[in-house]
All heavy atoms as atom14 arrays in JSON, in Angstrom:
{
  "sequence": "REAAETLWSGGGKAPAPVNRADRRARSGAANSTRNPGSSSG",
  "atom14_mask": [
    [1, 1, 1, 1, 1, 1, 1, 1, 1, 1, 1, 0, 0, 0],
    [1, 1, 1, 1, 1, 1, 1, 1, 1, 0, 0, 0, 0, 0],
    [1, 1, 1, 1, 1, 0, 0, 0, 0, 0, 0, 0, 0, 0],
    [1, 1, 1, 1, 1, 0, 0, 0, 0, 0, 0, 0, 0, 0],
    [1, 1, 1, 1, 1, 1, 1, 1, 1, 0, 0, 0, 0, 0],
    [1, 1, 1, 1, 1, 1, 1, 0, 0, 0, 0, 0, 0, 0],
    [1, 1, 1, 1, 1, 1, 1, 1, 0, 0, 0, 0, 0, 0],
    [1, 1, 1, 1, 1, 1, 1, 1, 1, 1, 1, 1, 1, 1],
    [1, 1, 1, 1, 1, 1, 0, 0, 0, 0, 0, 0, 0, 0],
    [1, 1, 1, 1, 0, 0, 0, 0, 0, 0, 0, 0, 0, 0],
    [1, 1, 1, 1, 0, 0, 0, 0, 0, 0, 0, 0, 0, 0],
    [1, 1, 1, 1, 0, 0, 0, 0, 0, 0, 0, 0, 0, 0],
    [1, 1, 1, 1, 1, 1, 1, 1, 1, 0, 0, 0, 0, 0],
    [1, 1, 1, 1, 1, 0, 0, 0, 0, 0, 0, 0, 0, 0],
    [1, 1, 1, 1, 1, 1, 1, 0, 0, 0, 0, 0, 0, 0],
    [1, 1, 1, 1, 1, 0, 0, 0, 0, 0, 0, 0, 0, 0],
    [1, 1, 1, 1, 1, 1, 1, 0, 0, 0, 0, 0, 0, 0],
    [1, 1, 1, 1, 1, 1, 1, 0, 0, 0, 0, 0, 0, 0],
    [1, 1, 1, 1, 1, 1, 1, 1, 0, 0, 0, 0, 0, 0],
    [1, 1, 1, 1, 1, 1, 1, 1, 1, 1, 1, 0, 0, 0],
    [1, 1, 1, 1, 1, 0, 0, 0, 0, 0, 0, 0, 0, 0],
    [1, 1, 1, 1, 1, 1, 1, 1, 0, 0, 0, 0, 0, 0],
    [1, 1, 1, 1, 1, 1, 1, 1, 1, 1, 1, 0, 0, 0],
    [1, 1, 1, 1, 1, 1, 1, 1, 1, 1, 1, 0, 0, 0],
    [1, 1, 1, 1, 1, 0, 0, 0, 0, 0, 0, 0, 0, 0],
    [1, 1, 1, 1, 1, 1, 1, 1, 1, 1, 1, 0, 0, 0],
    [1, 1, 1, 1, 1, 1, 0, 0, 0, 0, 0, 0, 0, 0],
    [1, 1, 1, 1, 0, 0, 0, 0, 0, 0, 0, 0, 0, 0],
    [1, 1, 1, 1, 1, 0, 0, 0, 0, 0, 0, 0, 0, 0],
    [1, 1, 1, 1, 1, 0, 0, 0, 0, 0, 0, 0, 0, 0],
    [1, 1, 1, 1, 1, 1, 1, 1, 0, 0, 0, 0, 0, 0],
    [1, 1, 1, 1, 1, 1, 0, 0, 0, 0, 0, 0, 0, 0],
    [1, 1, 1, 1, 1, 1, 1, 0, 0, 0, 0, 0, 0, 0],
    [1, 1, 1, 1, 1, 1, 1, 1, 1, 1, 1, 0, 0, 0],
    [1, 1, 1, 1, 1, 1, 1, 1, 0, 0, 0, 0, 0, 0],
    [1, 1, 1, 1, 1, 1, 1, 0, 0, 0, 0, 0, 0, 0],
    [1, 1, 1, 1, 0, 0, 0, 0, 0, 0, 0, 0, 0, 0],
    [1, 1, 1, 1, 1, 1, 0, 0, 0, 0, 0, 0, 0, 0],
    [1, 1, 1, 1, 1, 1, 0, 0, 0, 0, 0, 0, 0, 0],
    [1, 1, 1, 1, 1, 1, 0, 0, 0, 0, 0, 0, 0, 0],
    [1, 1, 1, 1, 0, 0, 0, 0, 0, 0, 0, 0, 0, 0]
  ],
  "atom14_positions": [
    [[-154.56, -115.75, -41.52], [-153.65, -116.72, -42.14], [-152.3, -116.77, -41.41], [-151.73, -117.83, -41.22], [-153.44, -116.37, -43.61], [-152.52, -117.33, -44.34], [-152.45, -117.02, -45.83], [-153.74, -117.15, -46.47], [-154.29, -118.3, -46.84], [-153.65, -119.42, -46.63], [-155.47, -118.32, -47.41], [0.0, 0.0, 0.0], [0.0, 0.0, 0.0], [0.0, 0.0, 0.0]],
    [[-151.81, -115.62, -40.98], [-150.52, -115.57, -40.28], [-150.56, -116.4, -38.99], [-149.63, -117.14, -38.69], [-150.16, -114.12, -39.97], [-148.8, -113.96, -39.3], [-148.51, -112.5, -39.0], [-148.94, -111.61, -39.75], [-147.83, -112.26, -37.97], [0.0, 0.0, 0.0], [0.0, 0.0, 0.0], [0.0, 0.0, 0.0], [0.0, 0.0, 0.0], [0.0, 0.0, 0.0]],
    [[-151.63, -116.29, -38.23], [-151.76, -117.07, -37.0], [-151.83, -118.56, -37.32], [-151.26, -119.4, -36.62], [-153.01, -116.64, -36.23], [0.0, 0.0, 0.0], [0.0, 0.0, 0.0], [0.0, 0.0, 0.0], [0.0, 0.0, 0.0], [0.0, 0.0, 0.0], [0.0, 0.0, 0.0], [0.0, 0.0, 0.0], [0.0, 0.0, 0.0], [0.0, 0.0, 0.0]],
    [[-152.54, -118.9, -38.41], [-152.63, -120.31, -38.81], [-151.26, -120.85, -39.2], [-150.88, -121.97, -38.83], [-153.61, -120.45, -39.97], [0.0, 0.0, 0.0], [0.0, 0.0, 0.0], [0.0, 0.0, 0.0], [0.0, 0.0, 0.0], [0.0, 0.0, 0.0], [0.0, 0.0, 0.0], [0.0, 0.0, 0.0], [0.0, 0.0, 0.0], [0.0, 0.0, 0.0]],
    [[-150.48, -120.05, -39.93], [-149.13, -120.48, -40.32], [-148.23, -120.65, -39.1], [-147.42, -121.58, -39.03], [-148.52, -119.47, -41.3], [-149.17, -119.51, -42.66], [-148.7, -118.4, -43.58], [-147.9, -117.53, -43.16], [-149.16, -118.38, -44.75], [0.0, 0.0, 0.0], [0.0, 0.0, 0.0], [0.0, 0.0, 0.0], [0.0, 0.0, 0.0], [0.0, 0.0, 0.0]],
    [[-148.38, -119.76, -38.13], [-147.59, -119.86, -36.9], [-147.91, -121.16, -36.17], [-147.01, -121.87, -35.74], [-147.88, -118.65, -35.98], [-147.49, -117.46, -36.66], [-147.13, -118.77, -34.67], [0.0, 0.0, 0.0], [0.0, 0.0, 0.0], [0.0, 0.0, 0.0], [0.0, 0.0, 0.0], [0.0, 0.0, 0.0], [0.0, 0.0, 0.0], [0.0, 0.0, 0.0]],
    [[-149.18, -121.47, -36.05], [-149.57, -122.7, -35.38], [-149.1, -123.92, -36.18], [-148.56, -124.86, -35.63], [-151.09, -122.76, -35.18], [-151.54, -123.93, -34.31], [-152.61, -123.47, -33.35], [-152.03, -125.08, -35.14], [0.0, 0.0, 0.0], [0.0, 0.0, 0.0], [0.0, 0.0, 0.0], [0.0, 0.0, 0.0], [0.0, 0.0, 0.0], [0.0, 0.0, 0.0]],
    [[-149.29, -123.9, -37.48], [-148.93, -125.01, -38.35], [-147.44, -125.34, -38.25], [-147.06, -126.48, -38.03], [-149.3, -124.67, -39.8], [-149.01, -125.76, -40.78], [-147.92, -125.88, -41.59], [-149.83, -126.9, -41.04], [-148.02, -127.01, -42.35], [-149.18, -127.65, -42.02], [-151.04, -127.34, -40.53], [-149.72, -128.85, -42.53], [-151.58, -128.52, -41.03], [-150.91, -129.26, -42.01]],
    [[-146.62, -124.33, -38.38], [-145.17, -124.56, -38.38], [-144.58, -124.63, -36.99], [-143.44, -125.04, -36.84], [-144.47, -123.48, -39.2], [-144.7, -122.21, -38.62], [0.0, 0.0, 0.0], [0.0, 0.0, 0.0], [0.0, 0.0, 0.0], [0.0, 0.0, 0.0], [0.0, 0.0, 0.0], [0.0, 0.0, 0.0], [0.0, 0.0, 0.0], [0.0, 0.0, 0.0]],
    [[-145.35, -124.28, -35.97], [-144.87, -124.32, -34.6], [-145.12, -125.65, -33.91], [-145.03, -125.74, -32.69], [0.0, 0.0, 0.0], [0.0, 0.0, 0.0], [0.0, 0.0, 0.0], [0.0, 0.0, 0.0], [0.0, 0.0, 0.0], [0.0, 0.0, 0.0], [0.0, 0.0, 0.0], [0.0, 0.0, 0.0], [0.0, 0.0, 0.0], [0.0, 0.0, 0.0]],
    [[-145.47, -126.66, -34.68], [-145.68, -127.98, -34.1], [-146.92, -128.05, -33.21], [-146.98, -128.85, -32.29], [0.0, 0.0, 0.0], [0.0, 0.0, 0.0], [0.0, 0.0, 0.0], [0.0, 0.0, 0.0], [0.0, 0.0, 0.0], [0.0, 0.0, 0.0], [0.0, 0.0, 0.0], [0.0, 0.0, 0.0], [0.0, 0.0, 0.0], [0.0, 0.0, 0.0]],
    [[-147.89, -127.2, -33.46], [-149.12, -127.25, -32.69], [-149.21, -126.21, -31.59], [-150.23, -126.11, -30.92], [0.0, 0.0, 0.0], [0.0, 0.0, 0.0], [0.0, 0.0, 0.0], [0.0, 0.0, 0.0], [0.0, 0.0, 0.0], [0.0, 0.0, 0.0], [0.0, 0.0, 0.0], [0.0, 0.0, 0.0], [0.0, 0.0, 0.0], [0.0, 0.0, 0.0]],
    [[-148.14, -125.45, -31.39], [-148.21, -124.39, -30.38], [-149.11, -123.29, -30.9], [-148.91, -122.76, -31.98], [-146.82, -123.81, -30.11], [-145.96, -124.65, -29.23], [-144.71, -123.88, -28.89], [-144.02, -124.51, -27.71], [-142.84, -123.75, -27.33], [0.0, 0.0, 0.0], [0.0, 0.0, 0.0], [0.0, 0.0, 0.0], [0.0, 0.0, 0.0], [0.0, 0.0, 0.0]],
    [[-150.1, -122.99, -30.1], [-151.05, -121.95, -30.5], [-150.39, -120.59, -30.43], [-149.53, -120.35, -29.59], [-152.27, -121.99, -29.59], [0.0, 0.0, 0.0], [0.0, 0.0, 0.0], [0.0, 0.0, 0.0], [0.0, 0.0, 0.0], [0.0, 0.0, 0.0], [0.0, 0.0, 0.0], [0.0, 0.0, 0.0], [0.0, 0.0, 0.0], [0.0, 0.0, 0.0]],
    [[-150.78, -119.68, -31.32], [-150.26, -118.32, -31.22], [-150.69, -117.71, -29.9], [-151.7, -118.12, -29.33], [-150.91, -117.6, -32.4], [-151.71, -118.59, -33.14], [-151.71, -119.87, -32.4], [0.0, 0.0, 0.0], [0.0, 0.0, 0.0], [0.0, 0.0, 0.0], [0.0, 0.0, 0.0], [0.0, 0.0, 0.0], [0.0, 0.0, 0.0], [0.0, 0.0, 0.0]],
    [[-149.93, -116.78, -29.43], [-150.28, -116.12, -28.17], [-151.66, -115.5, -28.3], [-151.99, -114.95, -29.35], [-149.25, -115.04, -27.85], [0.0, 0.0, 0.0], [0.0, 0.0, 0.0], [0.0, 0.0, 0.0], [0.0, 0.0, 0.0], [0.0, 0.0, 0.0], [0.0, 0.0, 0.0], [0.0, 0.0, 0.0], [0.0, 0.0, 0.0], [0.0, 0.0, 0.0]],
    [[-152.46, -115.61, -27.25], [-153.8, -115.0, -27.32], [-153.67, -113.52, -27.58], [-152.75, -112.88, -27.1], [-154.38, -115.26, -25.93], [-153.53, -116.28, -25.3], [-152.2, -116.22, -25.97], [0.0, 0.0, 0.0], [0.0, 0.0, 0.0], [0.0, 0.0, 0.0], [0.0, 0.0, 0.0], [0.0, 0.0, 0.0], [0.0, 0.0, 0.0], [0.0, 0.0, 0.0]],
    [[-154.58, -113.02, -28.34], [-154.57, -111.59, -28.63], [-155.82, -110.95, -28.06], [-156.88, -111.55, -28.02], [-154.47, -111.31, -30.15], [-153.14, -111.74, -30.71], [-155.6, -111.96, -30.92], [0.0, 0.0, 0.0], [0.0, 0.0, 0.0], [0.0, 0.0, 0.0], [0.0, 0.0, 0.0], [0.0, 0.0, 0.0], [0.0, 0.0, 0.0], [0.0, 0.0, 0.0]],
    [[-155.64, -109.74, -27.62], [-156.8, -109.03, -27.1], [-157.5, -108.29, -28.25], [-157.06, -108.33, -29.39], [-156.4, -108.07, -25.97], [-155.41, -107.02, -26.44], [-155.43, -106.61, -27.58], [-154.54, -106.6, -25.55], [0.0, 0.0, 0.0], [0.0, 0.0, 0.0], [0.0, 0.0, 0.0], [0.0, 0.0, 0.0], [0.0, 0.0, 0.0], [0.0, 0.0, 0.0]],
    [[-158.58, -107.64, -27.94], [-159.38, -106.97, -28.97], [-158.56, -105.96, -29.75], [-158.64, -105.88, -30.97], [-160.58, -106.29, -28.32], [-161.48, -105.63, -29.33], [-162.64, -104.99, -28.65], [-163.39, -106.0, -27.94], [-164.67, -105.95, -27.71], [-165.35, -104.92, -28.13], [-165.28, -106.89, -27.07], [0.0, 0.0, 0.0], [0.0, 0.0, 0.0], [0.0, 0.0, 0.0]],
    [[-157.72, -105.18, -29.07], [-156.91, -104.17, -29.76], [-155.93, -104.83, -30.72], [-155.73, -104.34, -31.83], [-156.17, -103.31, -28.74], [0.0, 0.0, 0.0], [0.0, 0.0, 0.0], [0.0, 0.0, 0.0], [0.0, 0.0, 0.0], [0.0, 0.0, 0.0], [0.0, 0.0, 0.0], [0.0, 0.0, 0.0], [0.0, 0.0, 0.0], [0.0, 0.0, 0.0]],
    [[-155.33, -105.96, -30.3], [-154.41, -106.66, -31.19], [-155.14, -107.2, -32.41], [-154.63, -107.13, -33.53], [-153.72, -107.82, -30.46], [-152.72, -107.35, -29.43], [-152.25, -106.18, -29.52], [-152.39, -108.14, -28.52], [0.0, 0.0, 0.0], [0.0, 0.0, 0.0], [0.0, 0.0, 0.0], [0.0, 0.0, 0.0], [0.0, 0.0, 0.0], [0.0, 0.0, 0.0]],
    [[-156.35, -107.77, -32.21], [-157.12, -108.27, -33.35], [-157.45, -107.14, -34.31], [-157.36, -107.3, -35.52], [-158.4, -108.95, -32.88], [-158.19, -110.34, -32.36], [-159.5, -111.1, -32.24], [-160.5, -110.43, -31.45], [-160.72, -110.63, -30.15], [-159.98, -111.47, -29.48], [-161.67, -109.99, -29.53], [0.0, 0.0, 0.0], [0.0, 0.0, 0.0], [0.0, 0.0, 0.0]],
    [[-157.83, -105.98, -33.76], [-158.16, -104.85, -34.62], [-156.93, -104.37, -35.37], [-157.0, -104.02, -36.54], [-158.77, -103.72, -33.79], [-160.17, -104.09, -33.35], [-160.79, -103.08, -32.42], [-160.67, -101.72, -32.92], [-160.74, -100.66, -32.15], [-160.94, -100.78, -30.86], [-160.63, -99.46, -32.65], [0.0, 0.0, 0.0], [0.0, 0.0, 0.0], [0.0, 0.0, 0.0]],
    [[-155.78, -104.37, -34.7], [-154.55, -103.93, -35.35], [-154.18, -104.89, -36.48], [-153.76, -104.47, -37.55], [-153.41, -103.84, -34.34], [0.0, 0.0, 0.0], [0.0, 0.0, 0.0], [0.0, 0.0, 0.0], [0.0, 0.0, 0.0], [0.0, 0.0, 0.0], [0.0, 0.0, 0.0], [0.0, 0.0, 0.0], [0.0, 0.0, 0.0], [0.0, 0.0, 0.0]],
    [[-154.35, -106.21, -36.24], [-154.05, -107.2, -37.27], [-154.94, -107.02, -38.48], [-154.53, -107.23, -39.6], [-154.25, -108.61, -36.74], [-153.08, -109.18, -36.04], [-153.34, -110.62, -35.74], [-152.12, -111.24, -35.29], [-152.04, -112.47, -34.87], [-153.12, -113.23, -34.83], [-150.91, -112.96, -34.48], [0.0, 0.0, 0.0], [0.0, 0.0, 0.0], [0.0, 0.0, 0.0]],
    [[-156.19, -106.66, -38.24], [-157.13, -106.52, -39.35], [-157.03, -105.15, -40.0], [-157.68, -104.9, -41.0], [-158.56, -106.75, -38.87], [-158.98, -105.68, -38.06], [0.0, 0.0, 0.0], [0.0, 0.0, 0.0], [0.0, 0.0, 0.0], [0.0, 0.0, 0.0], [0.0, 0.0, 0.0], [0.0, 0.0, 0.0], [0.0, 0.0, 0.0], [0.0, 0.0, 0.0]],
    [[-156.22, -104.26, -39.42], [-156.07, -102.92, -39.97], [-157.17, -101.98, -39.54], [-157.27, -100.87, -40.03], [0.0, 0.0, 0.0], [0.0, 0.0, 0.0], [0.0, 0.0, 0.0], [0.0, 0.0, 0.0], [0.0, 0.0, 0.0], [0.0, 0.0, 0.0], [0.0, 0.0, 0.0], [0.0, 0.0, 0.0], [0.0, 0.0, 0.0], [0.0, 0.0, 0.0]],
    [[-158.01, -102.42, -38.61], [-159.14, -101.59, -38.18], [-158.74, -100.56, -37.15], [-159.46, -99.6, -36.93], [-160.25, -102.47, -37.61], [0.0, 0.0, 0.0], [0.0, 0.0, 0.0], [0.0, 0.0, 0.0], [0.0, 0.0, 0.0], [0.0, 0.0, 0.0], [0.0, 0.0, 0.0], [0.0, 0.0, 0.0], [0.0, 0.0, 0.0], [0.0, 0.0, 0.0]],
    [[-157.63, -100.75, -36.49], [-157.24, -99.82, -35.43], [-156.62, -98.57, -36.04], [-155.93, -98.62, -37.04], [-156.24, -100.49, -34.49], [0.0, 0.0, 0.0], [0.0, 0.0, 0.0], [0.0, 0.0, 0.0], [0.0, 0.0, 0.0], [0.0, 0.0, 0.0], [0.0, 0.0, 0.0], [0.0, 0.0, 0.0], [0.0, 0.0, 0.0], [0.0, 0.0, 0.0]],
    [[-156.86, -97.46, -35.42], [-156.27, -96.2, -35.83], [-154.91, -96.11, -35.16], [-154.81, -96.15, -33.95], [-157.19, -95.05, -35.41], [-156.65, -93.72, -35.86], [-155.55, -93.63, -36.39], [-157.44, -92.68, -35.65], [0.0, 0.0, 0.0], [0.0, 0.0, 0.0], [0.0, 0.0, 0.0], [0.0, 0.0, 0.0], [0.0, 0.0, 0.0], [0.0, 0.0, 0.0]],
    [[-153.86, -95.99, -35.95], [-152.52, -96.02, -35.37], [-152.09, -94.69, -34.78], [-151.06, -94.62, -34.14], [-151.51, -96.48, -36.43], [-151.49, -95.55, -37.49], [0.0, 0.0, 0.0], [0.0, 0.0, 0.0], [0.0, 0.0, 0.0], [0.0, 0.0, 0.0], [0.0, 0.0, 0.0], [0.0, 0.0, 0.0], [0.0, 0.0, 0.0], [0.0, 0.0, 0.0]],
    [[-152.84, -93.64, -35.02], [-152.46, -92.36, -34.44], [-153.35, -92.06, -33.24], [-154.53, -92.34, -33.24], [-152.59, -91.22, -35.48], [-153.93, -91.18, -35.94], [-151.64, -91.44, -36.64], [0.0, 0.0, 0.0], [0.0, 0.0, 0.0], [0.0, 0.0, 0.0], [0.0, 0.0, 0.0], [0.0, 0.0, 0.0], [0.0, 0.0, 0.0], [0.0, 0.0, 0.0]],
    [[-152.71, -91.49, -32.23], [-153.45, -91.14, -31.02], [-153.81, -89.68, -31.07], [-153.17, -88.88, -31.74], [-152.59, -91.42, -29.78], [-152.36, -92.88, -29.57], [-151.74, -93.12, -28.23], [-150.46, -92.43, -28.1], [-149.34, -93.01, -27.73], [-149.32, -94.27, -27.43], [-148.24, -92.32, -27.63], [0.0, 0.0, 0.0], [0.0, 0.0, 0.0], [0.0, 0.0, 0.0]],
    [[-154.81, -89.33, -30.31], [-155.16, -87.93, -30.18], [-154.08, -87.2, -29.42], [-153.45, -87.77, -28.54], [-156.49, -87.78, -29.41], [-157.65, -88.3, -30.21], [-157.61, -88.28, -31.44], [-158.68, -88.76, -29.53], [0.0, 0.0, 0.0], [0.0, 0.0, 0.0], [0.0, 0.0, 0.0], [0.0, 0.0, 0.0], [0.0, 0.0, 0.0], [0.0, 0.0, 0.0]],
    [[-153.85, -85.94, -29.72], [-152.84, -85.2, -28.97], [-153.19, -85.21, -27.48], [-154.34, -85.11, -27.1], [-152.94, -83.77, -29.53], [-153.6, -83.93, -30.86], [-154.46, -85.15, -30.76], [0.0, 0.0, 0.0], [0.0, 0.0, 0.0], [0.0, 0.0, 0.0], [0.0, 0.0, 0.0], [0.0, 0.0, 0.0], [0.0, 0.0, 0.0], [0.0, 0.0, 0.0]],
    [[-152.18, -85.37, -26.68], [-152.39, -85.36, -25.23], [-152.81, -86.71, -24.69], [-152.98, -86.88, -23.5], [0.0, 0.0, 0.0], [0.0, 0.0, 0.0], [0.0, 0.0, 0.0], [0.0, 0.0, 0.0], [0.0, 0.0, 0.0], [0.0, 0.0, 0.0], [0.0, 0.0, 0.0], [0.0, 0.0, 0.0], [0.0, 0.0, 0.0], [0.0, 0.0, 0.0]],
    [[-152.97, -87.68, -25.56], [-153.38, -89.01, -25.12], [-152.15, -89.84, -24.84], [-151.16, -89.75, -25.55], [-154.2, -89.68, -26.23], [-154.44, -91.02, -25.92], [0.0, 0.0, 0.0], [0.0, 0.0, 0.0], [0.0, 0.0, 0.0], [0.0, 0.0, 0.0], [0.0, 0.0, 0.0], [0.0, 0.0, 0.0], [0.0, 0.0, 0.0], [0.0, 0.0, 0.0]],
    [[-152.22, -90.64, -23.79], [-151.1, -91.55, -23.55], [-151.4, -92.85, -24.25], [-151.27, -92.97, -25.44], [-150.86, -91.72, -22.05], [-152.04, -92.22, -21.43], [0.0, 0.0, 0.0], [0.0, 0.0, 0.0], [0.0, 0.0, 0.0], [0.0, 0.0, 0.0], [0.0, 0.0, 0.0], [0.0, 0.0, 0.0], [0.0, 0.0, 0.0], [0.0, 0.0, 0.0]],
    [[-151.87, -93.84, -23.54], [-152.14, -95.13, -24.15], [-153.55, -95.23, -24.69], [-153.89, -96.17, -25.37], [-151.92, -96.24, -23.14], [-152.91, -96.15, -22.13], [0.0, 0.0, 0.0], [0.0, 0.0, 0.0], [0.0, 0.0, 0.0], [0.0, 0.0, 0.0], [0.0, 0.0, 0.0], [0.0, 0.0, 0.0], [0.0, 0.0, 0.0], [0.0, 0.0, 0.0]],
    [[-154.38, -94.31, -24.35], [-155.77, -94.38, -24.77], [-156.65, -95.06, -23.75], [-157.85, -95.05, -23.86], [0.0, 0.0, 0.0], [0.0, 0.0, 0.0], [0.0, 0.0, 0.0], [0.0, 0.0, 0.0], [0.0, 0.0, 0.0], [0.0, 0.0, 0.0], [0.0, 0.0, 0.0], [0.0, 0.0, 0.0], [0.0, 0.0, 0.0], [0.0, 0.0, 0.0]]
  ]
}
């Protein structure tokens, strides 16, 4: 819904493309904590 609202109120500008990790983060599926010793994963 947030992406739809952004497009709607942005005069037709599409939201920036998101990669798989961004989509997972938006849906709450991504684990926000990293394993110790991990940099970016």
